[in-house]
Amino acid sequence: NVTFKRKLPNADLFVEVDLDKLTQVLDNIISNA
């Protein structure tokens, strides 16, 4: 029972990234949280 709260801007911000690598980063951080 954990609540997710999003404070994200309502805008389109484009960056050039490797989706697979960035997904691993965010997965590790959110999993720890």
ModelCIF file with pLDDT and N, C-alpha, C, O atoms, coordinates in Angstrom:
data_MODEL
#
_entry.id   MODEL 
#
_entity.id                         1 
_entity.type                       polymer 
_entity.pdbx_number_of_molecules   1 
#
_entity_poly.entity_id                      1 
_entity_poly.type                           'polypeptide(L)' 
_entity_poly.nstd_linkage                   no 
_entity_poly.nstd_monomer                   no 
_entity_poly.pdbx_seq_one_letter_code       NVTFKRKLPNADLFVEVDLDKLTQVLDNIISNA 
_entity_poly.pdbx_seq_one_letter_code_can   NVTFKRKLPNADLFVEVDLDKLTQVLDNIISNA 
_entity_poly.pdbx_strand_id                 A 
#
loop_
_entity_poly_seq.entity_id 
_entity_poly_seq.num 
_entity_poly_seq.mon_id 
_entity_poly_seq.hetero 
1 1  ASN n 
1 2  VAL n 
1 3  THR n 
1 4  PHE n 
1 5  LYS n 
1 6  ARG n 
1 7  LYS n 
1 8  LEU n 
1 9  PRO n 
1 10 ASN n 
1 11 ALA n 
1 12 ASP n 
1 13 LEU n 
1 14 PHE n 
1 15 VAL n 
1 16 GLU n 
1 17 VAL n 
1 18 ASP n 
1 19 LEU n 
1 20 ASP n 
1 21 LYS n 
1 22 LEU n 
1 23 THR n 
1 24 GLN n 
1 25 VAL n 
1 26 LEU n 
1 27 ASP n 
1 28 ASN n 
1 29 ILE n 
1 30 ILE n 
1 31 SER n 
1 32 ASN n 
1 33 ALA n 
#
_struct_asym.id          A 
_struct_asym.entity_id   1 
#
loop_
_ma_qa_metric.id 
_ma_qa_metric.mode 
_ma_qa_metric.name 
_ma_qa_metric.software_group_id 
_ma_qa_metric.type 
1 global pLDDT . pLDDT 
2 local  pLDDT . pLDDT 
#
_ma_qa_metric_global.metric_id      1 
_ma_qa_metric_global.metric_value   87.76 
_ma_qa_metric_global.model_id       1 
_ma_qa_metric_global.ordinal_id     1 
#
loop_
_ma_qa_metric_local.label_asym_id 
_ma_qa_metric_local.label_comp_id 
_ma_qa_metric_local.label_seq_id 
_ma_qa_metric_local.metric_id 
_ma_qa_metric_local.metric_value 
_ma_qa_metric_local.model_id 
_ma_qa_metric_local.ordinal_id 
A ASN 1  2 84.00 1 1  
A VAL 2  2 88.00 1 2  
A THR 3  2 90.00 1 3  
A PHE 4  2 92.00 1 4  
A LYS 5  2 92.00 1 5  
A ARG 6  2 92.00 1 6  
A LYS 7  2 92.00 1 7  
A LEU 8  2 92.00 1 8  
A PRO 9  2 91.00 1 9  
A ASN 10 2 89.00 1 10 
A ALA 11 2 86.00 1 11 
A ASP 12 2 87.00 1 12 
A LEU 13 2 89.00 1 13 
A PHE 14 2 91.00 1 14 
A VAL 15 2 91.00 1 15 
A GLU 16 2 91.00 1 16 
A VAL 17 2 90.00 1 17 
A ASP 18 2 86.00 1 18 
A LEU 19 2 86.00 1 19 
A ASP 20 2 81.00 1 20 
A LYS 21 2 82.00 1 21 
A LEU 22 2 88.00 1 22 
A THR 23 2 85.00 1 23 
A GLN 24 2 81.00 1 24 
A VAL 25 2 86.00 1 25 
A LEU 26 2 89.00 1 26 
A ASP 27 2 85.00 1 27 
A ASN 28 2 83.00 1 28 
A ILE 29 2 89.00 1 29 
A ILE 30 2 89.00 1 30 
A SER 31 2 85.00 1 31 
A ASN 32 2 86.00 1 32 
A ALA 33 2 88.00 1 33 
#
loop_
_atom_site.group_PDB 
_atom_site.id 
_atom_site.type_symbol 
_atom_site.label_atom_id 
_atom_site.label_alt_id 
_atom_site.label_comp_id 
_atom_site.label_asym_id 
_atom_site.label_entity_id 
_atom_site.label_seq_id 
_atom_site.pdbx_PDB_ins_code 
_atom_site.Cartn_x 
_atom_site.Cartn_y 
_atom_site.Cartn_z 
_atom_site.occupancy 
_atom_site.B_iso_or_equiv 
_atom_site.pdbx_formal_charge 
_atom_site.auth_seq_id 
_atom_site.auth_comp_id 
_atom_site.auth_asym_id 
_atom_site.auth_atom_id 
_atom_site.pdbx_PDB_model_num 
ATOM 1   N N  . ASN A 1 1  ? 0.852  -1.191 0.000   1.00 84.00 ? 1  ASN A N  1 
ATOM 2   C CA . ASN A 1 1  ? 0.000  0.000  0.000   1.00 84.00 ? 1  ASN A CA 1 
ATOM 3   C C  . ASN A 1 1  ? 0.885  1.238  0.000   1.00 84.00 ? 1  ASN A C  1 
ATOM 4   O O  . ASN A 1 1  ? 1.166  1.805  1.056   1.00 84.00 ? 1  ASN A O  1 
ATOM 5   N N  . VAL A 1 2  ? 1.324  1.656  -1.181  1.00 88.00 ? 2  VAL A N  1 
ATOM 6   C CA . VAL A 1 2  ? 2.186  2.834  -1.347  1.00 88.00 ? 2  VAL A CA 1 
ATOM 7   C C  . VAL A 1 2  ? 1.552  3.740  -2.376  1.00 88.00 ? 2  VAL A C  1 
ATOM 8   O O  . VAL A 1 2  ? 1.118  3.273  -3.429  1.00 88.00 ? 2  VAL A O  1 
ATOM 9   N N  . THR A 1 3  ? 1.489  5.049  -2.084  1.00 90.00 ? 3  THR A N  1 
ATOM 10  C CA . THR A 1 3  ? 0.889  6.035  -2.990  1.00 90.00 ? 3  THR A CA 1 
ATOM 11  C C  . THR A 1 3  ? 1.954  6.641  -3.894  1.00 90.00 ? 3  THR A C  1 
ATOM 12  O O  . THR A 1 3  ? 3.039  7.002  -3.438  1.00 90.00 ? 3  THR A O  1 
ATOM 13  N N  . PHE A 1 4  ? 1.633  6.749  -5.188  1.00 92.00 ? 4  PHE A N  1 
ATOM 14  C CA . PHE A 1 4  ? 2.519  7.406  -6.151  1.00 92.00 ? 4  PHE A CA 1 
ATOM 15  C C  . PHE A 1 4  ? 2.009  8.832  -6.386  1.00 92.00 ? 4  PHE A C  1 
ATOM 16  O O  . PHE A 1 4  ? 0.836  9.035  -6.699  1.00 92.00 ? 4  PHE A O  1 
ATOM 17  N N  . LYS A 1 5  ? 2.917  9.830  -6.228  1.00 92.00 ? 5  LYS A N  1 
ATOM 18  C CA . LYS A 1 5  ? 2.545  11.216 -6.468  1.00 92.00 ? 5  LYS A CA 1 
ATOM 19  C C  . LYS A 1 5  ? 3.454  11.789 -7.545  1.00 92.00 ? 5  LYS A C  1 
ATOM 20  O O  . LYS A 1 5  ? 4.679  11.759 -7.435  1.00 92.00 ? 5  LYS A O  1 
ATOM 21  N N  . ARG A 1 6  ? 2.811  12.317 -8.603  1.00 92.00 ? 6  ARG A N  1 
ATOM 22  C CA . ARG A 1 6  ? 3.585  12.820 -9.733  1.00 92.00 ? 6  ARG A CA 1 
ATOM 23  C C  . ARG A 1 6  ? 3.556  14.349 -9.754  1.00 92.00 ? 6  ARG A C  1 
ATOM 24  O O  . ARG A 1 6  ? 2.496  14.971 -9.690  1.00 92.00 ? 6  ARG A O  1 
ATOM 25  N N  . LYS A 1 7  ? 4.771  14.944 -9.845  1.00 92.00 ? 7  LYS A N  1 
ATOM 26  C CA . LYS A 1 7  ? 4.890  16.393 -9.994  1.00 92.00 ? 7  LYS A CA 1 
ATOM 27  C C  . LYS A 1 7  ? 5.720  16.652 -11.253 1.00 92.00 ? 7  LYS A C  1 
ATOM 28  O O  . LYS A 1 7  ? 6.862  17.108 -11.209 1.00 92.00 ? 7  LYS A O  1 
ATOM 29  N N  . LEU A 1 8  ? 5.070  16.331 -12.381 1.00 92.00 ? 8  LEU A N  1 
ATOM 30  C CA . LEU A 1 8  ? 5.753  16.427 -13.659 1.00 92.00 ? 8  LEU A CA 1 
ATOM 31  C C  . LEU A 1 8  ? 5.155  17.572 -14.475 1.00 92.00 ? 8  LEU A C  1 
ATOM 32  O O  . LEU A 1 8  ? 3.944  17.786 -14.445 1.00 92.00 ? 8  LEU A O  1 
ATOM 33  N N  . PRO A 1 9  ? 5.991  18.304 -15.198 1.00 91.00 ? 9  PRO A N  1 
ATOM 34  C CA . PRO A 1 9  ? 5.471  19.422 -15.999 1.00 91.00 ? 9  PRO A CA 1 
ATOM 35  C C  . PRO A 1 9  ? 4.602  18.923 -17.150 1.00 91.00 ? 9  PRO A C  1 
ATOM 36  O O  . PRO A 1 9  ? 4.820  17.840 -17.692 1.00 91.00 ? 9  PRO A O  1 
ATOM 37  N N  . ASN A 1 10 ? 3.635  19.722 -17.500 1.00 89.00 ? 10 ASN A N  1 
ATOM 38  C CA . ASN A 1 10 ? 2.751  19.391 -18.619 1.00 89.00 ? 10 ASN A CA 1 
ATOM 39  C C  . ASN A 1 10 ? 3.361  19.972 -19.884 1.00 89.00 ? 10 ASN A C  1 
ATOM 40  O O  . ASN A 1 10 ? 2.860  20.949 -20.442 1.00 89.00 ? 10 ASN A O  1 
ATOM 41  N N  . ALA A 1 11 ? 4.456  19.353 -20.329 1.00 86.00 ? 11 ALA A N  1 
ATOM 42  C CA . ALA A 1 11 ? 5.182  19.870 -21.502 1.00 86.00 ? 11 ALA A CA 1 
ATOM 43  C C  . ALA A 1 11 ? 5.874  18.719 -22.183 1.00 86.00 ? 11 ALA A C  1 
ATOM 44  O O  . ALA A 1 11 ? 6.069  17.651 -21.602 1.00 86.00 ? 11 ALA A O  1 
ATOM 45  N N  . ASP A 1 12 ? 6.243  18.954 -23.425 1.00 87.00 ? 12 ASP A N  1 
ATOM 46  C CA . ASP A 1 12 ? 6.990  17.942 -24.184 1.00 87.00 ? 12 ASP A CA 1 
ATOM 47  C C  . ASP A 1 12 ? 8.464  18.319 -24.170 1.00 87.00 ? 12 ASP A C  1 
ATOM 48  O O  . ASP A 1 12 ? 8.868  19.320 -24.761 1.00 87.00 ? 12 ASP A O  1 
ATOM 49  N N  . LEU A 1 13 ? 9.271  17.494 -23.480 1.00 89.00 ? 13 LEU A N  1 
ATOM 50  C CA . LEU A 1 13 ? 10.715 17.743 -23.393 1.00 89.00 ? 13 LEU A CA 1 
ATOM 51  C C  . LEU A 1 13 ? 11.436 16.551 -24.012 1.00 89.00 ? 13 LEU A C  1 
ATOM 52  O O  . LEU A 1 13 ? 11.389 15.444 -23.475 1.00 89.00 ? 13 LEU A O  1 
ATOM 53  N N  . PHE A 1 14 ? 12.094 16.775 -25.128 1.00 91.00 ? 14 PHE A N  1 
ATOM 54  C CA . PHE A 1 14 ? 12.739 15.687 -25.854 1.00 91.00 ? 14 PHE A CA 1 
ATOM 55  C C  . PHE A 1 14 ? 14.231 15.630 -25.531 1.00 91.00 ? 14 PHE A C  1 
ATOM 56  O O  . PHE A 1 14 ? 14.935 16.637 -25.602 1.00 91.00 ? 14 PHE A O  1 
ATOM 57  N N  . VAL A 1 15 ? 14.696 14.437 -25.175 1.00 91.00 ? 15 VAL A N  1 
ATOM 58  C CA . VAL A 1 15 ? 16.123 14.198 -24.931 1.00 91.00 ? 15 VAL A CA 1 
ATOM 59  C C  . VAL A 1 15 ? 16.542 12.976 -25.727 1.00 91.00 ? 15 VAL A C  1 
ATOM 60  O O  . VAL A 1 15 ? 15.717 12.135 -26.083 1.00 91.00 ? 15 VAL A O  1 
ATOM 61  N N  . GLU A 1 16 ? 17.844 12.892 -26.003 1.00 91.00 ? 16 GLU A N  1 
ATOM 62  C CA . GLU A 1 16 ? 18.390 11.769 -26.758 1.00 91.00 ? 16 GLU A CA 1 
ATOM 63  C C  . GLU A 1 16 ? 18.995 10.784 -25.780 1.00 91.00 ? 16 GLU A C  1 
ATOM 64  O O  . GLU A 1 16 ? 20.020 11.077 -25.165 1.00 91.00 ? 16 GLU A O  1 
ATOM 65  N N  . VAL A 1 17 ? 18.371 9.602  -25.620 1.00 90.00 ? 17 VAL A N  1 
ATOM 66  C CA . VAL A 1 17 ? 18.820 8.626  -24.630 1.00 90.00 ? 17 VAL A CA 1 
ATOM 67  C C  . VAL A 1 17 ? 18.727 7.224  -25.205 1.00 90.00 ? 17 VAL A C  1 
ATOM 68  O O  . VAL A 1 17 ? 18.090 6.986  -26.231 1.00 90.00 ? 17 VAL A O  1 
ATOM 69  N N  . ASP A 1 18 ? 19.386 6.297  -24.507 1.00 86.00 ? 18 ASP A N  1 
ATOM 70  C CA . ASP A 1 18 ? 19.243 4.866  -24.777 1.00 86.00 ? 18 ASP A CA 1 
ATOM 71  C C  . ASP A 1 18 ? 18.126 4.373  -23.868 1.00 86.00 ? 18 ASP A C  1 
ATOM 72  O O  . ASP A 1 18 ? 18.319 4.265  -22.657 1.00 86.00 ? 18 ASP A O  1 
ATOM 73  N N  . LEU A 1 19 ? 16.973 4.076  -24.430 1.00 86.00 ? 19 LEU A N  1 
ATOM 74  C CA . LEU A 1 19 ? 15.804 3.724  -23.630 1.00 86.00 ? 19 LEU A CA 1 
ATOM 75  C C  . LEU A 1 19 ? 16.041 2.497  -22.762 1.00 86.00 ? 19 LEU A C  1 
ATOM 76  O O  . LEU A 1 19 ? 15.591 2.447  -21.617 1.00 86.00 ? 19 LEU A O  1 
ATOM 77  N N  . ASP A 1 20 ? 16.738 1.518  -23.295 1.00 81.00 ? 20 ASP A N  1 
ATOM 78  C CA . ASP A 1 20 ? 16.965 0.301  -22.533 1.00 81.00 ? 20 ASP A CA 1 
ATOM 79  C C  . ASP A 1 20 ? 17.788 0.599  -21.278 1.00 81.00 ? 20 ASP A C  1 
ATOM 80  O O  . ASP A 1 20 ? 17.460 0.144  -20.182 1.00 81.00 ? 20 ASP A O  1 
ATOM 81  N N  . LYS A 1 21 ? 18.880 1.383  -21.463 1.00 82.00 ? 21 LYS A N  1 
ATOM 82  C CA . LYS A 1 21 ? 19.761 1.706  -20.324 1.00 82.00 ? 21 LYS A CA 1 
ATOM 83  C C  . LYS A 1 21 ? 19.035 2.600  -19.321 1.00 82.00 ? 21 LYS A C  1 
ATOM 84  O O  . LYS A 1 21 ? 19.145 2.390  -18.113 1.00 82.00 ? 21 LYS A O  1 
ATOM 85  N N  . LEU A 1 22 ? 18.295 3.597  -19.811 1.00 88.00 ? 22 LEU A N  1 
ATOM 86  C CA . LEU A 1 22 ? 17.594 4.503  -18.898 1.00 88.00 ? 22 LEU A CA 1 
ATOM 87  C C  . LEU A 1 22 ? 16.495 3.761  -18.146 1.00 88.00 ? 22 LEU A C  1 
ATOM 88  O O  . LEU A 1 22 ? 16.228 4.055  -16.981 1.00 88.00 ? 22 LEU A O  1 
ATOM 89  N N  . THR A 1 23 ? 15.847 2.782  -18.826 1.00 85.00 ? 23 THR A N  1 
ATOM 90  C CA . THR A 1 23 ? 14.816 1.981  -18.152 1.00 85.00 ? 23 THR A CA 1 
ATOM 91  C C  . THR A 1 23 ? 15.422 1.195  -16.996 1.00 85.00 ? 23 THR A C  1 
ATOM 92  O O  . THR A 1 23 ? 14.819 1.097  -15.927 1.00 85.00 ? 23 THR A O  1 
ATOM 93  N N  . GLN A 1 24 ? 16.619 0.631  -17.208 1.00 81.00 ? 24 GLN A N  1 
ATOM 94  C CA . GLN A 1 24 ? 17.292 -0.098 -16.120 1.00 81.00 ? 24 GLN A CA 1 
ATOM 95  C C  . GLN A 1 24 ? 17.573 0.834  -14.944 1.00 81.00 ? 24 GLN A C  1 
ATOM 96  O O  . GLN A 1 24 ? 17.425 0.442  -13.786 1.00 81.00 ? 24 GLN A O  1 
ATOM 97  N N  . VAL A 1 25 ? 17.981 2.071  -15.244 1.00 86.00 ? 25 VAL A N  1 
ATOM 98  C CA . VAL A 1 25 ? 18.288 3.029  -14.170 1.00 86.00 ? 25 VAL A CA 1 
ATOM 99  C C  . VAL A 1 25 ? 17.030 3.315  -13.354 1.00 86.00 ? 25 VAL A C  1 
ATOM 100 O O  . VAL A 1 25 ? 17.033 3.198  -12.129 1.00 86.00 ? 25 VAL A O  1 
ATOM 101 N N  . LEU A 1 26 ? 15.947 3.693  -14.050 1.00 89.00 ? 26 LEU A N  1 
ATOM 102 C CA . LEU A 1 26 ? 14.719 4.048  -13.338 1.00 89.00 ? 26 LEU A CA 1 
ATOM 103 C C  . LEU A 1 26 ? 14.124 2.850  -12.615 1.00 89.00 ? 26 LEU A C  1 
ATOM 104 O O  . LEU A 1 26 ? 13.584 2.992  -11.518 1.00 89.00 ? 26 LEU A O  1 
ATOM 105 N N  . ASP A 1 27 ? 14.219 1.667  -13.223 1.00 85.00 ? 27 ASP A N  1 
ATOM 106 C CA . ASP A 1 27 ? 13.709 0.453  -12.557 1.00 85.00 ? 27 ASP A CA 1 
ATOM 107 C C  . ASP A 1 27 ? 14.439 0.214  -11.243 1.00 85.00 ? 27 ASP A C  1 
ATOM 108 O O  . ASP A 1 27 ? 13.808 -0.082 -10.228 1.00 85.00 ? 27 ASP A O  1 
ATOM 109 N N  . ASN A 1 28 ? 15.789 0.343  -11.253 1.00 83.00 ? 28 ASN A N  1 
ATOM 110 C CA . ASN A 1 28 ? 16.567 0.130  -10.020 1.00 83.00 ? 28 ASN A CA 1 
ATOM 111 C C  . ASN A 1 28 ? 16.182 1.131  -8.939  1.00 83.00 ? 28 ASN A C  1 
ATOM 112 O O  . ASN A 1 28 ? 16.024 0.766  -7.774  1.00 83.00 ? 28 ASN A O  1 
ATOM 113 N N  . ILE A 1 29 ? 16.030 2.410  -9.335  1.00 89.00 ? 29 ILE A N  1 
ATOM 114 C CA . ILE A 1 29 ? 15.732 3.444  -8.347  1.00 89.00 ? 29 ILE A CA 1 
ATOM 115 C C  . ILE A 1 29 ? 14.328 3.266  -7.777  1.00 89.00 ? 29 ILE A C  1 
ATOM 116 O O  . ILE A 1 29 ? 14.131 3.339  -6.564  1.00 89.00 ? 29 ILE A O  1 
ATOM 117 N N  . ILE A 1 30 ? 13.336 3.028  -8.673  1.00 89.00 ? 30 ILE A N  1 
ATOM 118 C CA . ILE A 1 30 ? 11.951 2.882  -8.195  1.00 89.00 ? 30 ILE A CA 1 
ATOM 119 C C  . ILE A 1 30 ? 11.798 1.600  -7.381  1.00 89.00 ? 30 ILE A C  1 
ATOM 120 O O  . ILE A 1 30 ? 11.062 1.567  -6.395  1.00 89.00 ? 30 ILE A O  1 
ATOM 121 N N  . SER A 1 31 ? 12.505 0.536  -7.804  1.00 85.00 ? 31 SER A N  1 
ATOM 122 C CA . SER A 1 31 ? 12.437 -0.721 -7.031  1.00 85.00 ? 31 SER A CA 1 
ATOM 123 C C  . SER A 1 31 ? 12.957 -0.505 -5.625  1.00 85.00 ? 31 SER A C  1 
ATOM 124 O O  . SER A 1 31 ? 12.355 -0.987 -4.666  1.00 85.00 ? 31 SER A O  1 
ATOM 125 N N  . ASN A 1 32 ? 14.075 0.218  -5.480  1.00 86.00 ? 32 ASN A N  1 
ATOM 126 C CA . ASN A 1 32 ? 14.615 0.511  -4.145  1.00 86.00 ? 32 ASN A CA 1 
ATOM 127 C C  . ASN A 1 32 ? 13.631 1.350  -3.334  1.00 86.00 ? 32 ASN A C  1 
ATOM 128 O O  . ASN A 1 32 ? 13.451 1.114  -2.140  1.00 86.00 ? 32 ASN A O  1 
ATOM 129 N N  . ALA A 1 33 ? 12.986 2.341  -3.988  1.00 88.00 ? 33 ALA A N  1 
ATOM 130 C CA . ALA A 1 33 ? 12.027 3.187  -3.277  1.00 88.00 ? 33 ALA A CA 1 
ATOM 131 C C  . ALA A 1 33 ? 10.859 2.359  -2.758  1.00 88.00 ? 33 ALA A C  1 
ATOM 132 O O  . ALA A 1 33 ? 9.949  2.901  -2.131  1.00 88.00 ? 33 ALA A O  1 
#
